Amino acid sequence: MRTFILYGSKRTDIGRLANEISVALGVTPDARDSSYIGEYYSLDSTKFSCQIQQNLNSPDEIEEDDRYQEPDHRQYDLLVRLTLSPEAEPVHEVIGQVRGLELLARDMA
């Protein structure tokens, strides 16, 4: 069973946040760019995957909700999506210590 966790941050410094999370998790951030979600960082290991991305990804969209990855959480500039394998539960505690992150959702599947 996997755990899916969503954090939000009002910070705007995506590169710095990615570096702080990478230090906390002990993995190297991989900067990427996608035509769908824009600039983002990926941090992966055998026990977890983590993506750090901008919430506002389509500022030119007419519909307000279509501008955001997570329209219900538009007050957050950055999103951190964490997927944990069962043995990686302590990762949630470690990443929760990073300055400026707020837990938005947690699901298991």
PDB file of N, CA and C in Angstrom:
ATOM      1  N   MET A   1       0.834  -1.172   0.000  1.00  0.00           N
ATOM      2  CA  MET A   1       0.000   0.000   0.000  1.00  0.00           C
ATOM      3  C   MET A   1       0.888   1.248   0.000  1.00  0.00           C
ATOM      4  N   ARG A   2       0.582   2.181  -0.872  1.00  0.00           N
ATOM      5  CA  ARG A   2       1.352   3.421  -0.986  1.00  0.00           C
ATOM      6  C   ARG A   2       0.621   4.561  -0.283  1.00  0.00           C
ATOM      7  N   THR A   3       1.410   5.537   0.162  1.00  0.00           N
ATOM      8  CA  THR A   3       0.861   6.732   0.784  1.00  0.00           C
ATOM      9  C   THR A   3       1.153   7.916  -0.130  1.00  0.00           C
ATOM     10  N   PHE A   4       0.141   8.727  -0.392  1.00  0.00           N
ATOM     11  CA  PHE A   4       0.268   9.915  -1.235  1.00  0.00           C
ATOM     12  C   PHE A   4       0.040  11.137  -0.356  1.00  0.00           C
ATOM     13  N   ILE A   5       1.011  12.035  -0.348  1.00  0.00           N
ATOM     14  CA  ILE A   5       0.952  13.204   0.521  1.00  0.00           C
ATOM     15  C   ILE A   5       1.149  14.454  -0.336  1.00  0.00           C
ATOM     16  N   LEU A   6       0.351  15.470  -0.054  1.00  0.00           N
ATOM     17  CA  LEU A   6       0.466  16.744  -0.742  1.00  0.00           C
ATOM     18  C   LEU A   6       0.750  17.828   0.290  1.00  0.00           C
ATOM     19  N   TYR A   7       1.828  18.571   0.063  1.00  0.00           N
ATOM     20  CA  TYR A   7       2.169  19.729   0.874  1.00  0.00           C
ATOM     21  C   TYR A   7       2.021  20.977   0.013  1.00  0.00           C
ATOM     22  N   GLY A   8       1.725  22.091   0.661  1.00  0.00           N
ATOM     23  CA  GLY A   8       1.721  23.382  -0.004  1.00  0.00           C
ATOM     24  C   GLY A   8       2.712  24.294   0.681  1.00  0.00           C
ATOM     25  N   SER A   9       3.221  25.249  -0.068  1.00  0.00           N
ATOM     26  CA  SER A   9       4.144  26.231   0.496  1.00  0.00           C
ATOM     27  C   SER A   9       3.861  27.587  -0.128  1.00  0.00           C
ATOM     28  N   LYS A  10       3.913  28.606   0.698  1.00  0.00           N
ATOM     29  CA  LYS A  10       3.735  29.975   0.209  1.00  0.00           C
ATOM     30  C   LYS A  10       5.072  30.568  -0.226  1.00  0.00           C
ATOM     31  N   ARG A  11       6.124  29.791  -0.103  1.00  0.00           N
ATOM     32  CA  ARG A  11       7.433  30.219  -0.593  1.00  0.00           C
ATOM     33  C   ARG A  11       7.399  30.275  -2.111  1.00  0.00           C
ATOM     34  N   THR A  12       8.235  31.116  -2.691  1.00  0.00           N
ATOM     35  CA  THR A  12       8.280  31.225  -4.154  1.00  0.00           C
ATOM     36  C   THR A  12       9.605  30.734  -4.728  1.00  0.00           C
ATOM     37  N   ASP A  13      10.542  30.384  -3.882  1.00  0.00           N
ATOM     38  CA  ASP A  13      11.889  29.987  -4.298  1.00  0.00           C
ATOM     39  C   ASP A  13      11.975  28.476  -4.507  1.00  0.00           C
ATOM     40  N   ILE A  14      11.484  28.005  -5.651  1.00  0.00           N
ATOM     41  CA  ILE A  14      11.384  26.573  -5.911  1.00  0.00           C
ATOM     42  C   ILE A  14      12.745  25.867  -5.846  1.00  0.00           C
ATOM     43  N   GLY A  15      13.783  26.497  -6.371  1.00  0.00           N
ATOM     44  CA  GLY A  15      15.105  25.874  -6.347  1.00  0.00           C
ATOM     45  C   GLY A  15      15.638  25.716  -4.937  1.00  0.00           C
ATOM     46  N   ARG A  16      15.444  26.720  -4.132  1.00  0.00           N
ATOM     47  CA  ARG A  16      15.921  26.658  -2.743  1.00  0.00           C
ATOM     48  C   ARG A  16      15.126  25.628  -1.941  1.00  0.00           C
ATOM     49  N   LEU A  17      13.806  25.595  -2.148  1.00  0.00           N
ATOM     50  CA  LEU A  17      12.986  24.590  -1.476  1.00  0.00           C
ATOM     51  C   LEU A  17      13.417  23.187  -1.896  1.00  0.00           C
ATOM     52  N   ALA A  18      13.669  22.991  -3.174  1.00  0.00           N
ATOM     53  CA  ALA A  18      14.130  21.686  -3.659  1.00  0.00           C
ATOM     54  C   ALA A  18      15.439  21.287  -2.989  1.00  0.00           C
ATOM     55  N   ASN A  19      16.354  22.241  -2.831  1.00  0.00           N
ATOM     56  CA  ASN A  19      17.628  21.937  -2.171  1.00  0.00           C
ATOM     57  C   ASN A  19      17.430  21.577  -0.707  1.00  0.00           C
ATOM     58  N   GLU A  20      16.553  22.294   0.000  1.00  0.00           N
ATOM     59  CA  GLU A  20      16.306  21.988   1.411  1.00  0.00           C
ATOM     60  C   GLU A  20      15.672  20.612   1.578  1.00  0.00           C
ATOM     61  N   ILE A  21      14.734  20.281   0.708  1.00  0.00           N
ATOM     62  CA  ILE A  21      14.103  18.960   0.775  1.00  0.00           C
ATOM     63  C   ILE A  21      15.111  17.875   0.421  1.00  0.00           C
ATOM     64  N   SER A  22      15.970  18.139  -0.560  1.00  0.00           N
ATOM     65  CA  SER A  22      16.964  17.137  -0.947  1.00  0.00           C
ATOM     66  C   SER A  22      17.937  16.857   0.194  1.00  0.00           C
ATOM     67  N   VAL A  23      18.324  17.887   0.939  1.00  0.00           N
ATOM     68  CA  VAL A  23      19.209  17.686   2.095  1.00  0.00           C
ATOM     69  C   VAL A  23      18.486  16.853   3.148  1.00  0.00           C
ATOM     70  N   ALA A  24      17.217  17.179   3.411  1.00  0.00           N
ATOM     71  CA  ALA A  24      16.450  16.451   4.417  1.00  0.00           C
ATOM     72  C   ALA A  24      16.281  14.977   4.043  1.00  0.00           C
ATOM     73  N   LEU A  25      16.080  14.709   2.753  1.00  0.00           N
ATOM     74  CA  LEU A  25      15.831  13.341   2.301  1.00  0.00           C
ATOM     75  C   LEU A  25      17.093  12.594   1.881  1.00  0.00           C
ATOM     76  N   GLY A  26      18.175  13.312   1.700  1.00  0.00           N
ATOM     77  CA  GLY A  26      19.426  12.674   1.312  1.00  0.00           C
ATOM     78  C   GLY A  26      19.476  12.222  -0.129  1.00  0.00           C
ATOM     79  N   VAL A  27      18.798  12.939  -1.018  1.00  0.00           N
ATOM     80  CA  VAL A  27      18.831  12.624  -2.446  1.00  0.00           C
ATOM     81  C   VAL A  27      19.137  13.891  -3.234  1.00  0.00           C
ATOM     82  N   THR A  28      19.566  13.713  -4.468  1.00  0.00           N
ATOM     83  CA  THR A  28      19.911  14.836  -5.325  1.00  0.00           C
ATOM     84  C   THR A  28      18.690  15.284  -6.123  1.00  0.00           C
ATOM     85  N   PRO A  29      18.393  16.588  -6.114  1.00  0.00           N
ATOM     86  CA  PRO A  29      17.249  17.055  -6.906  1.00  0.00           C
ATOM     87  C   PRO A  29      17.580  17.072  -8.394  1.00  0.00           C
ATOM     88  N   ASP A  30      16.604  16.746  -9.197  1.00  0.00           N
ATOM     89  CA  ASP A  30      16.750  16.736 -10.649  1.00  0.00           C
ATOM     90  C   ASP A  30      15.808  17.791 -11.220  1.00  0.00           C
ATOM     91  N   ALA A  31      16.364  18.903 -11.725  1.00  0.00           N
ATOM     92  CA  ALA A  31      15.554  19.978 -12.307  1.00  0.00           C
ATOM     93  C   ALA A  31      15.013  19.518 -13.650  1.00  0.00           C
ATOM     94  N   ARG A  32      13.718  19.725 -13.859  1.00  0.00           N
ATOM     95  CA  ARG A  32      13.074  19.323 -15.103  1.00  0.00           C
ATOM     96  C   ARG A  32      12.136  20.415 -15.579  1.00  0.00           C
ATOM     97  N   ASP A  33      11.717  20.295 -16.837  1.00  0.00           N
ATOM     98  CA  ASP A  33      10.759  21.242 -17.396  1.00  0.00           C
ATOM     99  C   ASP A  33       9.761  20.453 -18.226  1.00  0.00           C
ATOM    100  N   SER A  34       8.498  20.765 -18.035  1.00  0.00           N
ATOM    101  CA  SER A  34       7.423  20.064 -18.722  1.00  0.00           C
ATOM    102  C   SER A  34       6.481  21.082 -19.355  1.00  0.00           C
ATOM    103  N   SER A  35       6.009  20.791 -20.539  1.00  0.00           N
ATOM    104  CA  SER A  35       5.045  21.701 -21.168  1.00  0.00           C
ATOM    105  C   SER A  35       3.704  21.661 -20.428  1.00  0.00           C
ATOM    106  N   TYR A  36       3.473  20.621 -19.663  1.00  0.00           N
ATOM    107  CA  TYR A  36       2.218  20.487 -18.925  1.00  0.00           C
ATOM    108  C   TYR A  36       2.260  21.158 -17.554  1.00  0.00           C
ATOM    109  N   ILE A  37       3.327  20.919 -16.768  1.00  0.00           N
ATOM    110  CA  ILE A  37       3.381  21.482 -15.413  1.00  0.00           C
ATOM    111  C   ILE A  37       4.462  22.539 -15.241  1.00  0.00           C
ATOM    112  N   GLY A  38       5.241  22.801 -16.257  1.00  0.00           N
ATOM    113  CA  GLY A  38       6.283  23.825 -16.167  1.00  0.00           C
ATOM    114  C   GLY A  38       7.546  23.310 -15.495  1.00  0.00           C
ATOM    115  N   GLU A  39       8.306  24.240 -14.915  1.00  0.00           N
ATOM    116  CA  GLU A  39       9.545  23.892 -14.216  1.00  0.00           C
ATOM    117  C   GLU A  39       9.192  23.143 -12.936  1.00  0.00           C
ATOM    118  N   TYR A  40       9.903  22.036 -12.706  1.00  0.00           N
ATOM    119  CA  TYR A  40       9.691  21.296 -11.465  1.00  0.00           C
ATOM    120  C   TYR A  40      10.957  20.544 -11.107  1.00  0.00           C
ATOM    121  N   TYR A  41      10.969  20.026  -9.901  1.00  0.00           N
ATOM    122  CA  TYR A  41      12.092  19.227  -9.416  1.00  0.00           C
ATOM    123  C   TYR A  41      11.574  17.856  -9.044  1.00  0.00           C
ATOM    124  N   SER A  42      12.375  16.854  -9.352  1.00  0.00           N
ATOM    125  CA  SER A  42      12.054  15.481  -9.008  1.00  0.00           C
ATOM    126  C   SER A  42      13.140  14.954  -8.077  1.00  0.00           C
ATOM    127  N   LEU A  43      12.721  14.308  -7.008  1.00  0.00           N
ATOM    128  CA  LEU A  43      13.643  13.695  -6.059  1.00  0.00           C
ATOM    129  C   LEU A  43      13.144  12.278  -5.840  1.00  0.00           C
ATOM    130  N   ASP A  44      13.933  11.306  -6.226  1.00  0.00           N
ATOM    131  CA  ASP A  44      13.463   9.927  -6.181  1.00  0.00           C
ATOM    132  C   ASP A  44      14.460   9.004  -5.501  1.00  0.00           C
ATOM    133  N   SER A  45      13.918   7.972  -4.879  1.00  0.00           N
ATOM    134  CA  SER A  45      14.715   6.879  -4.340  1.00  0.00           C
ATOM    135  C   SER A  45      13.897   5.608  -4.533  1.00  0.00           C
ATOM    136  N   THR A  46      14.400   4.496  -4.057  1.00  0.00           N
ATOM    137  CA  THR A  46      13.652   3.245  -4.188  1.00  0.00           C
ATOM    138  C   THR A  46      12.446   3.210  -3.254  1.00  0.00           C
ATOM    139  N   LYS A  47      12.430   4.064  -2.214  1.00  0.00           N
ATOM    140  CA  LYS A  47      11.344   4.054  -1.236  1.00  0.00           C
ATOM    141  C   LYS A  47      10.319   5.175  -1.428  1.00  0.00           C
ATOM    142  N   PHE A  48      10.670   6.200  -2.185  1.00  0.00           N
ATOM    143  CA  PHE A  48       9.749   7.319  -2.358  1.00  0.00           C
ATOM    144  C   PHE A  48      10.021   8.052  -3.657  1.00  0.00           C
ATOM    145  N   SER A  49       9.032   8.830  -4.076  1.00  0.00           N
ATOM    146  CA  SER A  49       9.228   9.792  -5.158  1.00  0.00           C
ATOM    147  C   SER A  49       8.635  11.114  -4.684  1.00  0.00           C
ATOM    148  N   CYS A  50       9.251  12.195  -5.110  1.00  0.00           N
ATOM    149  CA  CYS A  50       8.841  13.519  -4.670  1.00  0.00           C
ATOM    150  C   CYS A  50       8.953  14.473  -5.852  1.00  0.00           C
ATOM    151  N   GLN A  51       7.919  15.275  -6.053  1.00  0.00           N
ATOM    152  CA  GLN A  51       7.941  16.325  -7.073  1.00  0.00           C
ATOM    153  C   GLN A  51       7.618  17.655  -6.412  1.00  0.00           C
ATOM    154  N   ILE A  52       8.382  18.659  -6.785  1.00  0.00           N
ATOM    155  CA  ILE A  52       8.162  20.019  -6.309  1.00  0.00           C
ATOM    156  C   ILE A  52       7.836  20.845  -7.543  1.00  0.00           C
ATOM    157  N   GLN A  53       6.668  21.494  -7.534  1.00  0.00           N
ATOM    158  CA  GLN A  53       6.218  22.207  -8.721  1.00  0.00           C
ATOM    159  C   GLN A  53       5.466  23.481  -8.346  1.00  0.00           C
ATOM    160  N   GLN A  54       5.346  24.355  -9.323  1.00  0.00           N
ATOM    161  CA  GLN A  54       4.558  25.562  -9.162  1.00  0.00           C
ATOM    162  C   GLN A  54       3.076  25.192  -9.153  1.00  0.00           C
ATOM    163  N   ASN A  55       2.295  25.834  -8.326  1.00  0.00           N
ATOM    164  CA  ASN A  55       0.856  25.603  -8.353  1.00  0.00           C
ATOM    165  C   ASN A  55       0.225  26.324  -9.552  1.00  0.00           C
ATOM    166  N   LEU A  56       0.604  27.557  -9.770  1.00  0.00           N
ATOM    167  CA  LEU A  56       0.111  28.319 -10.918  1.00  0.00           C
ATOM    168  C   LEU A  56       0.912  27.894 -12.147  1.00  0.00           C
ATOM    169  N   ASN A  57       0.283  27.129 -13.028  1.00  0.00           N
ATOM    170  CA  ASN A  57       1.031  26.631 -14.181  1.00  0.00           C
ATOM    171  C   ASN A  57       0.504  27.145 -15.513  1.00  0.00           C
ATOM    172  N   SER A  58      -0.678  27.746 -15.533  1.00  0.00           N
ATOM    173  CA  SER A  58      -1.250  28.260 -16.786  1.00  0.00           C
ATOM    174  C   SER A  58      -1.875  29.631 -16.537  1.00  0.00           C
ATOM    175  N   PRO A  59      -1.049  30.656 -16.318  1.00  0.00           N
ATOM    176  CA  PRO A  59      -1.591  31.968 -15.950  1.00  0.00           C
ATOM    177  C   PRO A  59      -2.470  32.605 -17.018  1.00  0.00           C
ATOM    178  N   ASP A  60      -2.385  32.163 -18.260  1.00  0.00           N
ATOM    179  CA  ASP A  60      -3.160  32.763 -19.343  1.00  0.00           C
ATOM    180  C   ASP A  60      -4.533  32.122 -19.548  1.00  0.00           C
ATOM    181  N   GLU A  61      -4.834  31.069 -18.795  1.00  0.00           N
ATOM    182  CA  GLU A  61      -6.134  30.402 -18.928  1.00  0.00           C
ATOM    183  C   GLU A  61      -7.253  31.363 -18.529  1.00  0.00           C
ATOM    184  N   ILE A  62      -8.357  31.282 -19.233  1.00  0.00           N
ATOM    185  CA  ILE A  62      -9.502  32.153 -18.949  1.00  0.00           C
ATOM    186  C   ILE A  62     -10.173  31.758 -17.637  1.00  0.00           C
ATOM    187  N   GLU A  63     -10.422  30.480 -17.463  1.00  0.00           N
ATOM    188  CA  GLU A  63     -11.049  29.986 -16.233  1.00  0.00           C
ATOM    189  C   GLU A  63     -10.032  29.980 -15.098  1.00  0.00           C
ATOM    190  N   GLU A  64     -10.372  30.632 -14.001  1.00  0.00           N
ATOM    191  CA  GLU A  64      -9.474  30.742 -12.847  1.00  0.00           C
ATOM    192  C   GLU A  64      -8.990  29.369 -12.368  1.00  0.00           C
ATOM    193  N   ASP A  65      -9.899  28.396 -12.248  1.00  0.00           N
ATOM    194  CA  ASP A  65      -9.520  27.071 -11.754  1.00  0.00           C
ATOM    195  C   ASP A  65      -8.562  26.349 -12.684  1.00  0.00           C
ATOM    196  N   ASP A  66      -8.580  26.672 -13.968  1.00  0.00           N
ATOM    197  CA  ASP A  66      -7.696  26.013 -14.927  1.00  0.00           C
ATOM    198  C   ASP A  66      -6.260  26.530 -14.857  1.00  0.00           C
ATOM    199  N   ARG A  67      -6.036  27.569 -14.111  1.00  0.00           N
ATOM    200  CA  ARG A  67      -4.694  28.145 -13.990  1.00  0.00           C
ATOM    201  C   ARG A  67      -3.810  27.388 -13.007  1.00  0.00           C
ATOM    202  N   TYR A  68      -4.420  26.600 -12.146  1.00  0.00           N
ATOM    203  CA  TYR A  68      -3.699  25.983 -11.034  1.00  0.00           C
ATOM    204  C   TYR A  68      -3.664  24.461 -11.127  1.00  0.00           C
ATOM    205  N   GLN A  69      -2.572  23.892 -10.620  1.00  0.00           N
ATOM    206  CA  GLN A  69      -2.499  22.437 -10.459  1.00  0.00           C
ATOM    207  C   GLN A  69      -3.534  21.996  -9.421  1.00  0.00           C
ATOM    208  N   GLU A  70      -3.627  22.753  -8.343  1.00  0.00           N
ATOM    209  CA  GLU A  70      -4.554  22.466  -7.244  1.00  0.00           C
ATOM    210  C   GLU A  70      -5.397  23.717  -6.976  1.00  0.00           C
ATOM    211  N   PRO A  71      -6.503  23.902  -7.706  1.00  0.00           N
ATOM    212  CA  PRO A  71      -7.299  25.119  -7.557  1.00  0.00           C
ATOM    213  C   PRO A  71      -7.859  25.327  -6.149  1.00  0.00           C
ATOM    214  N   ASP A  72      -8.101  24.264  -5.420  1.00  0.00           N
ATOM    215  CA  ASP A  72      -8.616  24.405  -4.055  1.00  0.00           C
ATOM    216  C   ASP A  72      -7.560  24.938  -3.089  1.00  0.00           C
ATOM    217  N   HIS A  73      -6.319  24.942  -3.531  1.00  0.00           N
ATOM    218  CA  HIS A  73      -5.208  25.404  -2.693  1.00  0.00           C
ATOM    219  C   HIS A  73      -4.421  26.501  -3.404  1.00  0.00           C
ATOM    220  N   ARG A  74      -5.109  27.386  -4.080  1.00  0.00           N
ATOM    221  CA  ARG A  74      -4.439  28.413  -4.890  1.00  0.00           C
ATOM    222  C   ARG A  74      -3.623  29.401  -4.075  1.00  0.00           C
ATOM    223  N   GLN A  75      -3.810  29.438  -2.757  1.00  0.00           N
ATOM    224  CA  GLN A  75      -3.031  30.349  -1.917  1.00  0.00           C
ATOM    225  C   GLN A  75      -1.579  29.879  -1.763  1.00  0.00           C
ATOM    226  N   TYR A  76      -1.280  28.667  -2.208  1.00  0.00           N
ATOM    227  CA  TYR A  76       0.078  28.134  -2.125  1.00  0.00           C
ATOM    228  C   TYR A  76       0.781  28.279  -3.473  1.00  0.00           C
ATOM    229  N   ASP A  77       1.964  28.858  -3.455  1.00  0.00           N
ATOM    230  CA  ASP A  77       2.743  29.041  -4.688  1.00  0.00           C
ATOM    231  C   ASP A  77       3.383  27.744  -5.159  1.00  0.00           C
ATOM    232  N   LEU A  78       3.819  26.920  -4.214  1.00  0.00           N
ATOM    233  CA  LEU A  78       4.515  25.680  -4.549  1.00  0.00           C
ATOM    234  C   LEU A  78       3.778  24.482  -3.970  1.00  0.00           C
ATOM    235  N   LEU A  79       3.866  23.367  -4.686  1.00  0.00           N
ATOM    236  CA  LEU A  79       3.287  22.104  -4.238  1.00  0.00           C
ATOM    237  C   LEU A  79       4.393  21.062  -4.145  1.00  0.00           C
ATOM    238  N   VAL A  80       4.310  20.224  -3.142  1.00  0.00           N
ATOM    239  CA  VAL A  80       5.241  19.108  -2.983  1.00  0.00           C
ATOM    240  C   VAL A  80       4.391  17.846  -2.925  1.00  0.00           C
ATOM    241  N   ARG A  81       4.581  16.985  -3.930  1.00  0.00           N
ATOM    242  CA  ARG A  81       3.836  15.724  -4.013  1.00  0.00           C
ATOM    243  C   ARG A  81       4.791  14.595  -3.642  1.00  0.00           C
ATOM    244  N   LEU A  82       4.406  13.840  -2.647  1.00  0.00           N
ATOM    245  CA  LEU A  82       5.255  12.782  -2.115  1.00  0.00           C
ATOM    246  C   LEU A  82       4.501  11.462  -2.198  1.00  0.00           C
ATOM    247  N   THR A  83       5.131  10.453  -2.783  1.00  0.00           N
ATOM    248  CA  THR A  83       4.571   9.109  -2.837  1.00  0.00           C
ATOM    249  C   THR A  83       5.523   8.187  -2.082  1.00  0.00           C
ATOM    250  N   LEU A  84       4.990   7.515  -1.057  1.00  0.00           N
ATOM    251  CA  LEU A  84       5.816   6.684  -0.187  1.00  0.00           C
ATOM    252  C   LEU A  84       5.451   5.217  -0.310  1.00  0.00           C
ATOM    253  N   SER A  85       6.460   4.363  -0.333  1.00  0.00           N
ATOM    254  CA  SER A  85       6.219   2.934  -0.202  1.00  0.00           C
ATOM    255  C   SER A  85       6.008   2.657   1.289  1.00  0.00           C
ATOM    256  N   PRO A  86       5.481   1.483   1.662  1.00  0.00           N
ATOM    257  CA  PRO A  86       5.174   1.215   3.074  1.00  0.00           C
ATOM    258  C   PRO A  86       6.360   1.385   4.027  1.00  0.00           C
ATOM    259  N   GLU A  87       7.537   1.044   3.605  1.00  0.00           N
ATOM    260  CA  GLU A  87       8.704   1.138   4.497  1.00  0.00           C
ATOM    261  C   GLU A  87       9.298   2.544   4.569  1.00  0.00           C
ATOM    262  N   ALA A  88       8.713   3.504   3.862  1.00  0.00           N
ATOM    263  CA  ALA A  88       9.270   4.853   3.810  1.00  0.00           C
ATOM    264  C   ALA A  88       8.501   5.849   4.676  1.00  0.00           C
ATOM    265  N   GLU A  89       7.665   5.389   5.578  1.00  0.00           N
ATOM    266  CA  GLU A  89       6.848   6.281   6.401  1.00  0.00           C
ATOM    267  C   GLU A  89       7.663   7.336   7.144  1.00  0.00           C
ATOM    268  N   PRO A  90       8.858   7.060   7.655  1.00  0.00           N
ATOM    269  CA  PRO A  90       9.623   8.122   8.336  1.00  0.00           C
ATOM    270  C   PRO A  90       9.971   9.309   7.432  1.00  0.00           C
ATOM    271  N   VAL A  91       9.934   9.124   6.127  1.00  0.00           N
ATOM    272  CA  VAL A  91      10.219  10.214   5.192  1.00  0.00           C
ATOM    273  C   VAL A  91       9.212  11.350   5.403  1.00  0.00           C
ATOM    274  N   HIS A  92       7.973  11.008   5.665  1.00  0.00           N
ATOM    275  CA  HIS A  92       6.931  12.003   5.913  1.00  0.00           C
ATOM    276  C   HIS A  92       7.303  12.887   7.108  1.00  0.00           C
ATOM    277  N   GLU A  93       7.829  12.295   8.143  1.00  0.00           N
ATOM    278  CA  GLU A  93       8.229  13.063   9.327  1.00  0.00           C
ATOM    279  C   GLU A  93       9.410  13.970   9.023  1.00  0.00           C
ATOM    280  N   VAL A  94      10.359  13.491   8.247  1.00  0.00           N
ATOM    281  CA  VAL A  94      11.554  14.270   7.911  1.00  0.00           C
ATOM    282  C   VAL A  94      11.193  15.460   7.027  1.00  0.00           C
ATOM    283  N   ILE A  95      10.411  15.219   5.998  1.00  0.00           N
ATOM    284  CA  ILE A  95      10.078  16.305   5.071  1.00  0.00           C
ATOM    285  C   ILE A  95       9.170  17.336   5.750  1.00  0.00           C
ATOM    286  N   GLY A  96       8.383  16.904   6.712  1.00  0.00           N
ATOM    287  CA  GLY A  96       7.524  17.819   7.440  1.00  0.00           C
ATOM    288  C   GLY A  96       8.285  18.844   8.266  1.00  0.00           C
ATOM    289  N   GLN A  97       9.580  18.616   8.479  1.00  0.00           N
ATOM    290  CA  GLN A  97      10.429  19.531   9.235  1.00  0.00           C
ATOM    291  C   GLN A  97      10.955  20.687   8.382  1.00  0.00           C
ATOM    292  N   VAL A  98      10.805  20.597   7.066  1.00  0.00           N
ATOM    293  CA  VAL A  98      11.312  21.635   6.162  1.00  0.00           C
ATOM    294  C   VAL A  98      10.469  22.899   6.346  1.00  0.00           C
ATOM    295  N   ARG A  99      11.132  24.024   6.462  1.00  0.00           N
ATOM    296  CA  ARG A  99      10.482  25.306   6.712  1.00  0.00           C
ATOM    297  C   ARG A  99       9.484  25.660   5.601  1.00  0.00           C
ATOM    298  N   GLY A 100       8.297  26.064   6.015  1.00  0.00           N
ATOM    299  CA  GLY A 100       7.318  26.599   5.075  1.00  0.00           C
ATOM    300  C   GLY A 100       6.416  25.589   4.406  1.00  0.00           C
ATOM    301  N   LEU A 101       6.446  24.319   4.820  1.00  0.00           N
ATOM    302  CA  LEU A 101       5.556  23.329   4.229  1.00  0.00           C
ATOM    303  C   LEU A 101       4.336  23.114   5.113  1.00  0.00           C
ATOM    304  N   GLU A 102       3.172  23.026   4.480  1.00  0.00           N
ATOM    305  CA  GLU A 102       1.933  22.749   5.200  1.00  0.00           C
ATOM    306  C   GLU A 102       1.277  21.518   4.576  1.00  0.00           C
ATOM    307  N   LEU A 103       0.907  20.570   5.410  1.00  0.00           N
ATOM    308  CA  LEU A 103       0.244  19.357   4.945  1.00  0.00           C
ATOM    309  C   LEU A 103      -1.154  19.701   4.432  1.00  0.00           C
ATOM    310  N   LEU A 104      -1.438  19.326   3.182  1.00  0.00           N
ATOM    311  CA  LEU A 104      -2.729  19.616   2.574  1.00  0.00           C
ATOM    312  C   LEU A 104      -3.602  18.370   2.424  1.00  0.00           C
ATOM    313  N   ALA A 105      -2.985  17.237   2.127  1.00  0.00           N
ATOM    314  CA  ALA A 105      -3.763  16.003   1.915  1.00  0.00           C
ATOM    315  C   ALA A 105      -2.873  14.790   2.121  1.00  0.00           C
ATOM    316  N   ARG A 106      -3.520  13.716   2.550  1.00  0.00           N
ATOM    317  CA  ARG A 106      -2.823  12.440   2.735  1.00  0.00           C
ATOM    318  C   ARG A 106      -3.812  11.323   2.429  1.00  0.00           C
ATOM    319  N   ASP A 107      -3.436  10.447   1.483  1.00  0.00           N
ATOM    320  CA  ASP A 107      -4.283   9.323   1.088  1.00  0.00           C
ATOM    321  C   ASP A 107      -3.445   8.064   0.991  1.00  0.00           C
ATOM    322  N   MET A 108      -4.107   6.935   1.136  1.00  0.00           N
ATOM    323  CA  MET A 108      -3.440   5.635   0.974  1.00  0.00           C
ATOM    324  C   MET A 108      -4.174   4.850  -0.091  1.00  0.00           C
ATOM    325  N   ALA A 109      -3.402   4.123  -0.881  1.00  0.00           N
ATOM    326  CA  ALA A 109      -4.011   3.271  -1.914  1.00  0.00           C
ATOM    327  C   ALA A 109      -3.181   2.031  -2.100  1.00  0.00           C
TER     328      ALA A 109
END
